[in-house]
Amino acid sequence: MKTIVGRGLGPDSNHTDVMNILNDENQVVLLIFPHPNAMDLEQGIKLAERQCGFTLEDDASFVKSENKKMNLLFIDATWKHAREMEAKLTKALDSEHWIRIQLIPEEITPIESIEEISNSQDETSQTPFVQRRFQIRAPPSPNHLSTAECLAWVASRVERNPIIYESITKVLDYMVNLWRVNVASNNKSKVAMSQKQLCIKHNLV
């Protein structure tokens, strides 16, 4: 896994190792970002698995026949900057061979709150979708997920391991809960301060 900090990649980028992978038509690159021509998650992953040479055996296990890896590409920014970065990225690099994927959570019955997960999830259920889970920022729509949610969802599907999703979103939920507590505490302090100032103004203290 490699994280690149910046507004984009291009010919002048110092990350030549990443550039070489993204520009190589023999590499399997998946760009996870909303796009009119993007496939849904399952279609995109199955196509990538075929390109990597994965075959399904009779015992439901996967066998890899080619020495290829899936390269997952995520863009982490505000939605405005992310759209700008995606446009620059696909224009600067040879992206014609990339597999575009977008997540469509509205196709899964939404769970309105985190507390509902324990009551609705069983061993065979799909990845639980919580609307606007990352409440620290308001997404343009319920289908716009945070980067952490996207990474958790995709990695869990690629590795066929739901624990990956649960582990990442557990941390995300904890962070959002801390933010809620902090906001509530700050609002309570502001109300108390305003009341005290009002009392002082009217010589009540």
N, C-alpha and C. Protein backbone atom coordinates (compact mmCIF):
# COMPACT_ATOMS: atom_id res chain seq x y z
N MET A 1 0.85 -1.19 0.00
CA MET A 1 0.00 0.00 0.00
C MET A 1 0.88 1.24 0.00
N LYS A 2 0.53 2.22 -0.84
CA LYS A 2 1.30 3.45 -0.90
C LYS A 2 0.36 4.65 -0.91
N THR A 3 0.67 5.64 -0.08
CA THR A 3 -0.11 6.87 -0.02
C THR A 3 0.69 8.01 -0.62
N ILE A 4 0.08 8.71 -1.56
CA ILE A 4 0.73 9.86 -2.21
C ILE A 4 -0.03 11.12 -1.82
N VAL A 5 0.68 12.07 -1.24
CA VAL A 5 0.08 13.33 -0.83
C VAL A 5 0.33 14.36 -1.91
N GLY A 6 -0.72 14.97 -2.42
CA GLY A 6 -0.59 15.96 -3.47
C GLY A 6 -1.88 16.10 -4.23
N ARG A 7 -1.89 17.01 -5.20
CA ARG A 7 -3.11 17.26 -5.96
C ARG A 7 -3.18 16.45 -7.25
N GLY A 8 -2.20 15.58 -7.50
CA GLY A 8 -2.27 14.76 -8.69
C GLY A 8 -0.94 14.17 -9.08
N LEU A 9 -0.98 13.30 -10.09
CA LEU A 9 0.22 12.68 -10.65
C LEU A 9 0.37 13.12 -12.09
N GLY A 10 1.60 13.26 -12.53
CA GLY A 10 1.85 13.67 -13.91
C GLY A 10 3.26 13.34 -14.33
N PRO A 11 3.67 13.80 -15.50
CA PRO A 11 5.01 13.51 -16.02
C PRO A 11 6.13 13.95 -15.09
N ASP A 12 5.90 15.00 -14.31
CA ASP A 12 6.94 15.53 -13.42
C ASP A 12 6.90 14.92 -12.02
N SER A 13 6.06 13.92 -11.83
CA SER A 13 5.92 13.32 -10.50
C SER A 13 7.18 12.57 -10.10
N ASN A 14 7.48 12.60 -8.80
CA ASN A 14 8.63 11.86 -8.28
C ASN A 14 8.30 10.39 -8.02
N HIS A 15 7.02 10.04 -8.11
CA HIS A 15 6.59 8.68 -7.81
C HIS A 15 6.60 7.85 -9.10
N THR A 16 7.79 7.62 -9.61
CA THR A 16 7.92 6.92 -10.89
C THR A 16 7.45 5.47 -10.80
N ASP A 17 7.59 4.84 -9.62
CA ASP A 17 7.14 3.45 -9.47
C ASP A 17 5.64 3.34 -9.66
N VAL A 18 4.90 4.29 -9.07
CA VAL A 18 3.45 4.29 -9.22
C VAL A 18 3.06 4.67 -10.65
N MET A 19 3.75 5.65 -11.21
CA MET A 19 3.47 6.07 -12.59
C MET A 19 3.65 4.91 -13.56
N ASN A 20 4.69 4.14 -13.36
CA ASN A 20 4.96 3.01 -14.26
C ASN A 20 3.84 1.98 -14.21
N ILE A 21 3.33 1.74 -13.02
CA ILE A 21 2.24 0.77 -12.86
C ILE A 21 0.97 1.28 -13.53
N LEU A 22 0.63 2.54 -13.26
CA LEU A 22 -0.62 3.10 -13.79
C LEU A 22 -0.60 3.24 -15.30
N ASN A 23 0.58 3.45 -15.88
CA ASN A 23 0.68 3.62 -17.33
C ASN A 23 0.85 2.30 -18.09
N ASP A 24 1.11 1.23 -17.36
CA ASP A 24 1.39 -0.06 -17.99
C ASP A 24 0.09 -0.78 -18.34
N GLU A 25 -0.14 -1.02 -19.63
CA GLU A 25 -1.38 -1.68 -20.06
C GLU A 25 -1.47 -3.12 -19.59
N ASN A 26 -0.37 -3.70 -19.18
CA ASN A 26 -0.38 -5.08 -18.68
C ASN A 26 -0.73 -5.16 -17.20
N GLN A 27 -0.81 -4.01 -16.56
CA GLN A 27 -1.18 -3.97 -15.15
C GLN A 27 -2.71 -3.88 -15.01
N VAL A 28 -3.22 -4.47 -13.95
CA VAL A 28 -4.66 -4.41 -13.67
C VAL A 28 -4.90 -3.29 -12.66
N VAL A 29 -5.45 -2.19 -13.14
CA VAL A 29 -5.67 -1.00 -12.31
C VAL A 29 -7.16 -0.74 -12.17
N LEU A 30 -7.61 -0.59 -10.94
CA LEU A 30 -9.01 -0.28 -10.67
C LEU A 30 -9.10 1.10 -10.03
N LEU A 31 -9.79 2.02 -10.67
CA LEU A 31 -10.01 3.35 -10.13
C LEU A 31 -11.40 3.37 -9.50
N ILE A 32 -11.44 3.58 -8.18
CA ILE A 32 -12.72 3.60 -7.47
C ILE A 32 -13.15 5.04 -7.32
N PHE A 33 -14.06 5.45 -8.19
CA PHE A 33 -14.53 6.84 -8.17
C PHE A 33 -15.78 6.92 -9.05
N PRO A 34 -16.80 7.69 -8.64
CA PRO A 34 -18.03 7.79 -9.44
C PRO A 34 -17.76 8.30 -10.86
N HIS A 35 -18.38 7.66 -11.84
CA HIS A 35 -18.20 8.06 -13.24
C HIS A 35 -19.34 7.46 -14.06
N PRO A 36 -19.82 8.17 -15.09
CA PRO A 36 -20.92 7.63 -15.91
C PRO A 36 -20.61 6.28 -16.54
N ASN A 37 -19.33 6.02 -16.84
CA ASN A 37 -18.95 4.77 -17.49
C ASN A 37 -18.43 3.72 -16.51
N ALA A 38 -18.55 3.98 -15.23
CA ALA A 38 -18.01 3.05 -14.24
C ALA A 38 -18.92 1.84 -14.07
N MET A 39 -18.30 0.69 -13.78
CA MET A 39 -19.04 -0.53 -13.48
C MET A 39 -19.40 -0.55 -12.00
N ASP A 40 -20.35 -1.42 -11.65
CA ASP A 40 -20.59 -1.60 -10.23
C ASP A 40 -19.47 -2.47 -9.66
N LEU A 41 -19.42 -2.57 -8.35
CA LEU A 41 -18.30 -3.23 -7.68
C LEU A 41 -18.13 -4.67 -8.15
N GLU A 42 -19.20 -5.44 -8.17
CA GLU A 42 -19.10 -6.86 -8.49
C GLU A 42 -18.63 -7.08 -9.93
N GLN A 43 -19.17 -6.32 -10.87
CA GLN A 43 -18.73 -6.44 -12.27
C GLN A 43 -17.26 -6.11 -12.42
N GLY A 44 -16.84 -5.02 -11.78
CA GLY A 44 -15.46 -4.58 -11.90
C GLY A 44 -14.47 -5.56 -11.29
N ILE A 45 -14.80 -6.10 -10.11
CA ILE A 45 -13.91 -7.04 -9.45
C ILE A 45 -13.81 -8.34 -10.25
N LYS A 46 -14.92 -8.81 -10.79
CA LYS A 46 -14.89 -10.05 -11.58
C LYS A 46 -14.05 -9.87 -12.84
N LEU A 47 -14.15 -8.70 -13.48
CA LEU A 47 -13.33 -8.42 -14.65
C LEU A 47 -11.85 -8.39 -14.26
N ALA A 48 -11.54 -7.74 -13.14
CA ALA A 48 -10.15 -7.67 -12.66
C ALA A 48 -9.62 -9.06 -12.32
N GLU A 49 -10.46 -9.88 -11.72
CA GLU A 49 -10.05 -11.25 -11.38
C GLU A 49 -9.72 -12.05 -12.63
N ARG A 50 -10.51 -11.87 -13.68
CA ARG A 50 -10.23 -12.57 -14.94
C ARG A 50 -8.91 -12.09 -15.54
N GLN A 51 -8.68 -10.78 -15.48
CA GLN A 51 -7.44 -10.23 -16.03
C GLN A 51 -6.22 -10.68 -15.22
N CYS A 52 -6.41 -10.92 -13.93
CA CYS A 52 -5.32 -11.40 -13.09
C CYS A 52 -5.11 -12.91 -13.22
N GLY A 53 -6.02 -13.56 -13.94
CA GLY A 53 -5.88 -14.99 -14.14
C GLY A 53 -6.48 -15.85 -13.06
N PHE A 54 -7.42 -15.32 -12.28
CA PHE A 54 -8.06 -16.12 -11.25
C PHE A 54 -9.12 -17.02 -11.88
N THR A 55 -9.15 -18.26 -11.46
CA THR A 55 -10.18 -19.19 -11.91
C THR A 55 -10.81 -19.85 -10.69
N LEU A 56 -12.10 -20.10 -10.78
CA LEU A 56 -12.84 -20.70 -9.67
C LEU A 56 -12.84 -22.21 -9.80
N GLU A 57 -12.34 -22.88 -8.77
CA GLU A 57 -12.29 -24.34 -8.77
C GLU A 57 -13.61 -24.93 -8.31
N ASP A 58 -13.73 -26.24 -8.43
CA ASP A 58 -14.96 -26.92 -8.03
C ASP A 58 -15.26 -26.78 -6.55
N ASP A 59 -14.21 -26.62 -5.74
CA ASP A 59 -14.41 -26.50 -4.29
C ASP A 59 -14.62 -25.05 -3.87
N ALA A 60 -14.91 -24.17 -4.85
CA ALA A 60 -15.19 -22.74 -4.61
C ALA A 60 -13.95 -21.95 -4.21
N SER A 61 -12.77 -22.53 -4.36
CA SER A 61 -11.53 -21.80 -4.08
C SER A 61 -11.01 -21.19 -5.38
N PHE A 62 -10.20 -20.14 -5.23
CA PHE A 62 -9.66 -19.45 -6.40
C PHE A 62 -8.21 -19.85 -6.63
N VAL A 63 -7.87 -20.07 -7.89
CA VAL A 63 -6.51 -20.40 -8.29
C VAL A 63 -6.02 -19.32 -9.24
N LYS A 64 -4.81 -18.82 -8.99
CA LYS A 64 -4.24 -17.76 -9.81
C LYS A 64 -3.26 -18.35 -10.81
N SER A 65 -3.51 -18.07 -12.11
CA SER A 65 -2.67 -18.66 -13.15
C SER A 65 -1.66 -17.67 -13.72
N GLU A 66 -1.80 -16.38 -13.42
CA GLU A 66 -0.88 -15.37 -13.94
C GLU A 66 -0.29 -14.57 -12.79
N ASN A 67 0.91 -14.04 -13.01
CA ASN A 67 1.60 -13.27 -11.98
C ASN A 67 1.19 -11.79 -12.07
N LYS A 68 -0.07 -11.55 -11.79
CA LYS A 68 -0.59 -10.18 -11.84
C LYS A 68 -1.26 -9.84 -10.52
N LYS A 69 -1.22 -8.56 -10.17
CA LYS A 69 -1.87 -8.08 -8.96
C LYS A 69 -2.92 -7.04 -9.33
N MET A 70 -3.91 -6.90 -8.46
CA MET A 70 -4.88 -5.82 -8.61
C MET A 70 -4.29 -4.57 -7.96
N ASN A 71 -4.31 -3.48 -8.66
CA ASN A 71 -3.86 -2.20 -8.13
C ASN A 71 -5.08 -1.31 -7.92
N LEU A 72 -5.42 -1.08 -6.66
CA LEU A 72 -6.61 -0.30 -6.31
C LEU A 72 -6.23 1.16 -6.13
N LEU A 73 -6.92 2.04 -6.83
CA LEU A 73 -6.60 3.46 -6.80
C LEU A 73 -7.78 4.24 -6.20
N PHE A 74 -7.52 4.89 -5.06
CA PHE A 74 -8.53 5.69 -4.36
C PHE A 74 -8.07 7.15 -4.34
N ILE A 75 -9.03 8.07 -4.46
CA ILE A 75 -8.74 9.50 -4.38
C ILE A 75 -9.36 10.03 -3.10
N ASP A 76 -8.55 10.62 -2.25
CA ASP A 76 -9.01 11.10 -0.94
C ASP A 76 -8.91 12.62 -0.89
N ALA A 77 -10.05 13.28 -0.89
CA ALA A 77 -10.09 14.75 -0.84
C ALA A 77 -11.54 15.16 -0.63
N THR A 78 -11.78 16.47 -0.51
CA THR A 78 -13.17 16.93 -0.55
C THR A 78 -13.73 16.57 -1.92
N TRP A 79 -15.05 16.52 -2.05
CA TRP A 79 -15.61 16.09 -3.34
C TRP A 79 -15.23 17.03 -4.47
N LYS A 80 -15.14 18.32 -4.19
CA LYS A 80 -14.76 19.29 -5.21
C LYS A 80 -13.34 19.01 -5.71
N HIS A 81 -12.41 18.87 -4.78
CA HIS A 81 -11.02 18.62 -5.15
C HIS A 81 -10.84 17.23 -5.73
N ALA A 82 -11.61 16.26 -5.23
CA ALA A 82 -11.49 14.89 -5.75
C ALA A 82 -11.89 14.83 -7.21
N ARG A 83 -12.92 15.54 -7.59
CA ARG A 83 -13.34 15.57 -9.00
C ARG A 83 -12.26 16.20 -9.87
N GLU A 84 -11.65 17.27 -9.36
CA GLU A 84 -10.56 17.92 -10.10
C GLU A 84 -9.37 16.98 -10.25
N MET A 85 -9.03 16.27 -9.17
CA MET A 85 -7.90 15.36 -9.19
C MET A 85 -8.14 14.19 -10.14
N GLU A 86 -9.36 13.68 -10.14
CA GLU A 86 -9.70 12.56 -11.03
C GLU A 86 -9.59 12.97 -12.48
N ALA A 87 -10.06 14.18 -12.81
CA ALA A 87 -9.98 14.66 -14.19
C ALA A 87 -8.53 14.84 -14.63
N LYS A 88 -7.71 15.42 -13.77
CA LYS A 88 -6.28 15.63 -14.10
C LYS A 88 -5.55 14.30 -14.20
N LEU A 89 -5.88 13.39 -13.30
CA LEU A 89 -5.20 12.10 -13.25
C LEU A 89 -5.44 11.29 -14.52
N THR A 90 -6.68 11.18 -14.93
CA THR A 90 -7.01 10.38 -16.10
C THR A 90 -6.54 11.04 -17.39
N LYS A 91 -6.37 12.35 -17.37
CA LYS A 91 -5.88 13.06 -18.54
C LYS A 91 -4.36 12.96 -18.66
N ALA A 92 -3.67 13.00 -17.52
CA ALA A 92 -2.20 13.00 -17.52
C ALA A 92 -1.61 11.62 -17.76
N LEU A 93 -2.36 10.57 -17.39
CA LEU A 93 -1.85 9.21 -17.49
C LEU A 93 -2.59 8.41 -18.57
N ASP A 94 -1.98 7.31 -18.96
CA ASP A 94 -2.61 6.40 -19.92
C ASP A 94 -3.63 5.55 -19.17
N SER A 95 -4.87 6.03 -19.11
CA SER A 95 -5.88 5.41 -18.25
C SER A 95 -6.92 4.60 -19.02
N GLU A 96 -6.72 4.42 -20.32
CA GLU A 96 -7.71 3.72 -21.13
C GLU A 96 -7.92 2.28 -20.67
N HIS A 97 -6.87 1.66 -20.12
CA HIS A 97 -6.97 0.26 -19.71
C HIS A 97 -7.47 0.09 -18.28
N TRP A 98 -7.68 1.20 -17.58
CA TRP A 98 -8.13 1.12 -16.20
C TRP A 98 -9.56 0.58 -16.14
N ILE A 99 -9.87 -0.09 -15.05
CA ILE A 99 -11.24 -0.52 -14.78
C ILE A 99 -11.86 0.48 -13.82
N ARG A 100 -12.88 1.16 -14.27
CA ARG A 100 -13.54 2.15 -13.41
C ARG A 100 -14.64 1.46 -12.60
N ILE A 101 -14.64 1.72 -11.32
CA ILE A 101 -15.64 1.13 -10.42
C ILE A 101 -16.27 2.22 -9.57
N GLN A 102 -17.57 2.11 -9.38
CA GLN A 102 -18.23 2.99 -8.42
C GLN A 102 -19.15 2.15 -7.54
N LEU A 103 -19.23 2.53 -6.29
CA LEU A 103 -20.10 1.83 -5.36
C LEU A 103 -21.50 2.43 -5.43
N ILE A 104 -22.51 1.57 -5.39
CA ILE A 104 -23.88 2.04 -5.47
C ILE A 104 -24.63 1.52 -4.24
N PRO A 105 -24.41 2.15 -3.10
CA PRO A 105 -25.01 1.64 -1.86
C PRO A 105 -26.53 1.69 -1.84
N GLU A 106 -27.15 2.53 -2.68
CA GLU A 106 -28.60 2.62 -2.66
C GLU A 106 -29.25 1.32 -3.11
N GLU A 107 -28.47 0.44 -3.77
CA GLU A 107 -29.01 -0.84 -4.19
C GLU A 107 -29.07 -1.83 -3.04
N ILE A 108 -28.47 -1.48 -1.90
CA ILE A 108 -28.56 -2.29 -0.70
C ILE A 108 -29.52 -1.61 0.26
N THR A 109 -30.38 -2.37 0.89
CA THR A 109 -31.33 -1.79 1.85
C THR A 109 -30.56 -1.04 2.92
N PRO A 110 -30.77 0.28 3.03
CA PRO A 110 -29.96 1.07 3.96
C PRO A 110 -30.30 0.81 5.42
N ILE A 111 -29.30 0.92 6.27
CA ILE A 111 -29.48 0.88 7.72
C ILE A 111 -29.38 2.33 8.18
N GLU A 112 -30.37 2.81 8.86
CA GLU A 112 -30.43 4.22 9.20
C GLU A 112 -29.46 4.62 10.30
N SER A 113 -29.06 3.69 11.14
CA SER A 113 -28.14 4.03 12.23
C SER A 113 -27.21 2.87 12.51
N ILE A 114 -26.08 3.18 13.14
CA ILE A 114 -25.09 2.16 13.46
C ILE A 114 -25.67 1.12 14.40
N GLU A 115 -26.59 1.52 15.29
CA GLU A 115 -27.15 0.60 16.27
C GLU A 115 -27.95 -0.51 15.61
N GLU A 116 -28.46 -0.28 14.40
CA GLU A 116 -29.28 -1.28 13.73
C GLU A 116 -28.47 -2.44 13.18
N ILE A 117 -27.15 -2.25 13.03
CA ILE A 117 -26.32 -3.27 12.40
C ILE A 117 -26.39 -4.59 13.16
N SER A 118 -26.24 -4.52 14.47
CA SER A 118 -26.20 -5.76 15.27
C SER A 118 -27.52 -6.52 15.19
N ASN A 119 -28.61 -5.79 14.90
CA ASN A 119 -29.92 -6.44 14.83
C ASN A 119 -30.24 -6.98 13.44
N SER A 120 -29.50 -6.53 12.42
CA SER A 120 -29.85 -6.90 11.06
C SER A 120 -28.84 -7.79 10.37
N GLN A 121 -27.63 -7.86 10.88
CA GLN A 121 -26.56 -8.57 10.19
C GLN A 121 -26.44 -10.01 10.66
N ASP A 122 -26.28 -10.92 9.72
CA ASP A 122 -25.97 -12.30 10.04
C ASP A 122 -24.84 -12.76 9.14
N GLU A 123 -24.51 -14.02 9.18
CA GLU A 123 -23.34 -14.51 8.47
C GLU A 123 -23.48 -14.42 6.96
N THR A 124 -24.71 -14.38 6.47
CA THR A 124 -24.91 -14.38 5.02
C THR A 124 -25.33 -13.02 4.48
N SER A 125 -25.46 -12.02 5.34
CA SER A 125 -25.95 -10.72 4.89
C SER A 125 -24.88 -9.97 4.13
N GLN A 126 -25.35 -8.98 3.32
CA GLN A 126 -24.43 -8.14 2.57
C GLN A 126 -23.76 -7.13 3.50
N THR A 127 -22.75 -6.45 2.96
CA THR A 127 -22.10 -5.40 3.73
C THR A 127 -23.14 -4.38 4.17
N PRO A 128 -23.27 -4.10 5.47
CA PRO A 128 -24.30 -3.17 5.94
C PRO A 128 -24.00 -1.75 5.50
N PHE A 129 -24.98 -1.09 4.93
CA PHE A 129 -24.79 0.29 4.48
C PHE A 129 -25.49 1.23 5.45
N VAL A 130 -24.75 2.11 6.04
CA VAL A 130 -25.29 3.14 6.94
C VAL A 130 -25.29 4.46 6.19
N GLN A 131 -26.46 5.03 5.99
CA GLN A 131 -26.54 6.30 5.28
C GLN A 131 -25.79 7.39 6.04
N ARG A 132 -24.99 8.17 5.27
CA ARG A 132 -24.25 9.31 5.83
C ARG A 132 -23.49 8.90 7.10
N ARG A 133 -22.77 7.81 6.99
CA ARG A 133 -22.03 7.28 8.13
C ARG A 133 -20.97 8.27 8.61
N PHE A 134 -20.29 8.89 7.66
CA PHE A 134 -19.23 9.84 8.00
C PHE A 134 -19.85 11.23 8.11
N GLN A 135 -20.46 11.51 9.25
CA GLN A 135 -21.25 12.73 9.43
C GLN A 135 -20.41 13.99 9.63
N ILE A 136 -19.10 13.82 9.72
CA ILE A 136 -18.26 15.00 9.91
C ILE A 136 -18.32 15.91 8.69
N ARG A 137 -18.51 15.30 7.52
CA ARG A 137 -18.71 16.07 6.29
C ARG A 137 -20.01 15.62 5.63
N ALA A 138 -20.73 16.57 5.06
CA ALA A 138 -21.99 16.25 4.40
C ALA A 138 -21.73 15.86 2.95
N PRO A 139 -22.02 14.62 2.54
CA PRO A 139 -21.80 14.20 1.16
C PRO A 139 -22.89 14.75 0.26
N PRO A 140 -22.62 14.86 -1.06
CA PRO A 140 -23.63 15.35 -1.99
C PRO A 140 -24.88 14.48 -2.02
N SER A 141 -24.73 13.17 -1.75
CA SER A 141 -25.87 12.25 -1.74
C SER A 141 -25.48 11.04 -0.90
N PRO A 142 -26.46 10.20 -0.52
CA PRO A 142 -26.13 8.99 0.24
C PRO A 142 -25.19 8.05 -0.49
N ASN A 143 -25.13 8.14 -1.82
CA ASN A 143 -24.25 7.27 -2.60
C ASN A 143 -22.81 7.74 -2.61
N HIS A 144 -22.54 8.92 -2.06
CA HIS A 144 -21.18 9.44 -1.96
C HIS A 144 -20.62 9.04 -0.60
N LEU A 145 -19.69 8.11 -0.60
CA LEU A 145 -19.14 7.57 0.64
C LEU A 145 -17.79 8.20 0.96
N SER A 146 -17.39 8.10 2.21
CA SER A 146 -16.05 8.55 2.60
C SER A 146 -15.02 7.58 2.03
N THR A 147 -13.77 8.05 1.94
CA THR A 147 -12.71 7.20 1.40
C THR A 147 -12.53 5.94 2.24
N ALA A 148 -12.63 6.07 3.56
CA ALA A 148 -12.46 4.91 4.44
C ALA A 148 -13.53 3.86 4.17
N GLU A 149 -14.77 4.30 3.96
CA GLU A 149 -15.85 3.36 3.65
C GLU A 149 -15.60 2.65 2.33
N CYS A 150 -15.19 3.41 1.32
CA CYS A 150 -14.90 2.82 0.01
C CYS A 150 -13.78 1.80 0.11
N LEU A 151 -12.70 2.19 0.78
CA LEU A 151 -11.56 1.28 0.92
C LEU A 151 -11.97 0.01 1.64
N ALA A 152 -12.75 0.17 2.71
CA ALA A 152 -13.19 -0.99 3.48
C ALA A 152 -14.06 -1.92 2.64
N TRP A 153 -14.98 -1.32 1.90
CA TRP A 153 -15.93 -2.08 1.09
C TRP A 153 -15.19 -2.86 -0.01
N VAL A 154 -14.33 -2.17 -0.74
CA VAL A 154 -13.62 -2.79 -1.87
C VAL A 154 -12.63 -3.84 -1.39
N ALA A 155 -11.82 -3.50 -0.38
CA ALA A 155 -10.83 -4.45 0.12
C ALA A 155 -11.49 -5.70 0.68
N SER A 156 -12.63 -5.52 1.33
CA SER A 156 -13.35 -6.66 1.87
C SER A 156 -13.82 -7.59 0.76
N ARG A 157 -14.26 -7.00 -0.36
CA ARG A 157 -14.72 -7.81 -1.49
C ARG A 157 -13.55 -8.47 -2.22
N VAL A 158 -12.47 -7.74 -2.42
CA VAL A 158 -11.31 -8.29 -3.13
C VAL A 158 -10.73 -9.48 -2.36
N GLU A 159 -10.60 -9.32 -1.06
CA GLU A 159 -10.03 -10.38 -0.23
C GLU A 159 -11.07 -11.40 0.22
N ARG A 160 -12.33 -11.14 -0.09
CA ARG A 160 -13.43 -12.03 0.32
C ARG A 160 -13.39 -12.27 1.83
N ASN A 161 -13.26 -11.16 2.55
CA ASN A 161 -13.13 -11.23 4.01
C ASN A 161 -13.92 -10.08 4.65
N PRO A 162 -15.12 -10.34 5.16
CA PRO A 162 -15.95 -9.28 5.74
C PRO A 162 -15.34 -8.63 6.98
N ILE A 163 -14.39 -9.30 7.61
CA ILE A 163 -13.76 -8.74 8.81
C ILE A 163 -13.01 -7.46 8.47
N ILE A 164 -12.49 -7.36 7.24
CA ILE A 164 -11.78 -6.15 6.82
C ILE A 164 -12.72 -4.96 6.89
N TYR A 165 -13.92 -5.12 6.35
CA TYR A 165 -14.92 -4.04 6.37
C TYR A 165 -15.29 -3.68 7.80
N GLU A 166 -15.56 -4.71 8.60
CA GLU A 166 -15.98 -4.46 9.97
C GLU A 166 -14.89 -3.75 10.78
N SER A 167 -13.64 -4.13 10.57
CA SER A 167 -12.53 -3.56 11.33
C SER A 167 -12.33 -2.08 11.00
N ILE A 168 -12.38 -1.75 9.69
CA ILE A 168 -12.15 -0.36 9.28
C ILE A 168 -13.31 0.53 9.69
N THR A 169 -14.53 0.09 9.46
CA THR A 169 -15.69 0.92 9.79
C THR A 169 -15.88 1.06 11.30
N LYS A 170 -15.39 0.09 12.06
CA LYS A 170 -15.45 0.21 13.52
C LYS A 170 -14.64 1.40 13.99
N VAL A 171 -13.46 1.57 13.41
CA VAL A 171 -12.60 2.71 13.75
C VAL A 171 -13.27 4.00 13.29
N LEU A 172 -13.85 3.98 12.08
CA LEU A 172 -14.52 5.17 11.55
C LEU A 172 -15.69 5.57 12.44
N ASP A 173 -16.49 4.60 12.85
CA ASP A 173 -17.63 4.88 13.73
C ASP A 173 -17.17 5.47 15.06
N TYR A 174 -16.07 4.95 15.59
CA TYR A 174 -15.54 5.45 16.86
C TYR A 174 -15.10 6.91 16.71
N MET A 175 -14.44 7.23 15.58
CA MET A 175 -13.98 8.58 15.34
C MET A 175 -15.16 9.55 15.22
N VAL A 176 -16.20 9.13 14.50
CA VAL A 176 -17.39 9.97 14.34
C VAL A 176 -18.07 10.19 15.69
N ASN A 177 -18.12 9.15 16.52
CA ASN A 177 -18.74 9.27 17.83
C ASN A 177 -17.97 10.25 18.72
N LEU A 178 -16.64 10.21 18.65
CA LEU A 178 -15.83 11.18 19.41
C LEU A 178 -16.12 12.60 18.93
N TRP A 179 -16.29 12.75 17.62
CA TRP A 179 -16.58 14.07 17.06
C TRP A 179 -17.93 14.56 17.57
N ARG A 180 -18.92 13.67 17.61
CA ARG A 180 -20.25 14.04 18.11
C ARG A 180 -20.18 14.52 19.55
N VAL A 181 -19.46 13.76 20.38
CA VAL A 181 -19.33 14.11 21.80
C VAL A 181 -18.65 15.46 21.95
N ASN A 182 -17.61 15.69 21.16
CA ASN A 182 -16.88 16.95 21.23
C ASN A 182 -17.75 18.13 20.81
N VAL A 183 -18.52 17.93 19.72
CA VAL A 183 -19.41 18.99 19.25
C VAL A 183 -20.48 19.30 20.30
N ALA A 184 -21.06 18.25 20.88
CA ALA A 184 -22.09 18.44 21.90
C ALA A 184 -21.53 19.18 23.11
N SER A 185 -20.29 18.83 23.50
CA SER A 185 -19.65 19.48 24.65
C SER A 185 -19.38 20.95 24.36
N ASN A 186 -18.90 21.23 23.15
CA ASN A 186 -18.62 22.62 22.78
C ASN A 186 -19.90 23.45 22.73
N ASN A 187 -20.97 22.87 22.19
CA ASN A 187 -22.24 23.58 22.12
C ASN A 187 -22.79 23.87 23.52
N LYS A 188 -22.62 22.88 24.42
CA LYS A 188 -23.09 23.06 25.79
C LYS A 188 -22.31 24.17 26.48
N SER A 189 -21.01 24.22 26.23
CA SER A 189 -20.17 25.27 26.83
C SER A 189 -20.55 26.65 26.30
N LYS A 190 -20.86 26.72 24.99
CA LYS A 190 -21.24 28.00 24.39
C LYS A 190 -22.57 28.50 24.97
N VAL A 191 -23.51 27.56 25.17
CA VAL A 191 -24.81 27.95 25.75
C VAL A 191 -24.62 28.45 27.17
N ALA A 192 -23.80 27.74 27.95
CA ALA A 192 -23.55 28.15 29.33
C ALA A 192 -22.88 29.52 29.38
N MET A 193 -21.93 29.78 28.48
CA MET A 193 -21.24 31.06 28.44
C MET A 193 -22.20 32.18 28.05
N SER A 194 -23.07 31.90 27.09
CA SER A 194 -24.04 32.91 26.66
C SER A 194 -25.00 33.26 27.78
N GLN A 195 -25.44 32.25 28.53
CA GLN A 195 -26.35 32.49 29.65
C GLN A 195 -25.67 33.30 30.74
N LYS A 196 -24.39 33.01 30.99
CA LYS A 196 -23.65 33.75 32.01
C LYS A 196 -23.47 35.20 31.60
N GLN A 197 -23.16 35.42 30.30
CA GLN A 197 -23.00 36.79 29.82
C GLN A 197 -24.32 37.56 29.92
N LEU A 198 -25.44 36.86 29.65
CA LEU A 198 -26.76 37.51 29.73
C LEU A 198 -27.06 37.90 31.18
N CYS A 199 -26.72 37.01 32.11
CA CYS A 199 -26.94 37.31 33.51
C CYS A 199 -26.10 38.49 33.98
N ILE A 200 -24.86 38.56 33.54
CA ILE A 200 -23.97 39.66 33.91
C ILE A 200 -24.51 40.97 33.36
N LYS A 201 -25.02 40.93 32.12
CA LYS A 201 -25.54 42.13 31.47
C LYS A 201 -26.70 42.70 32.25
N HIS A 202 -27.50 41.82 32.87
CA HIS A 202 -28.67 42.27 33.62
C HIS A 202 -28.40 42.30 35.12
N ASN A 203 -27.10 42.28 35.49
CA ASN A 203 -26.69 42.38 36.90
C ASN A 203 -27.34 41.32 37.78
N LEU A 204 -27.42 40.11 37.22
CA LEU A 204 -28.04 39.03 38.01
C LEU A 204 -27.00 38.18 38.72
N VAL A 205 -25.71 38.37 38.46
CA VAL A 205 -24.65 37.62 39.15
C VAL A 205 -23.61 38.60 39.66
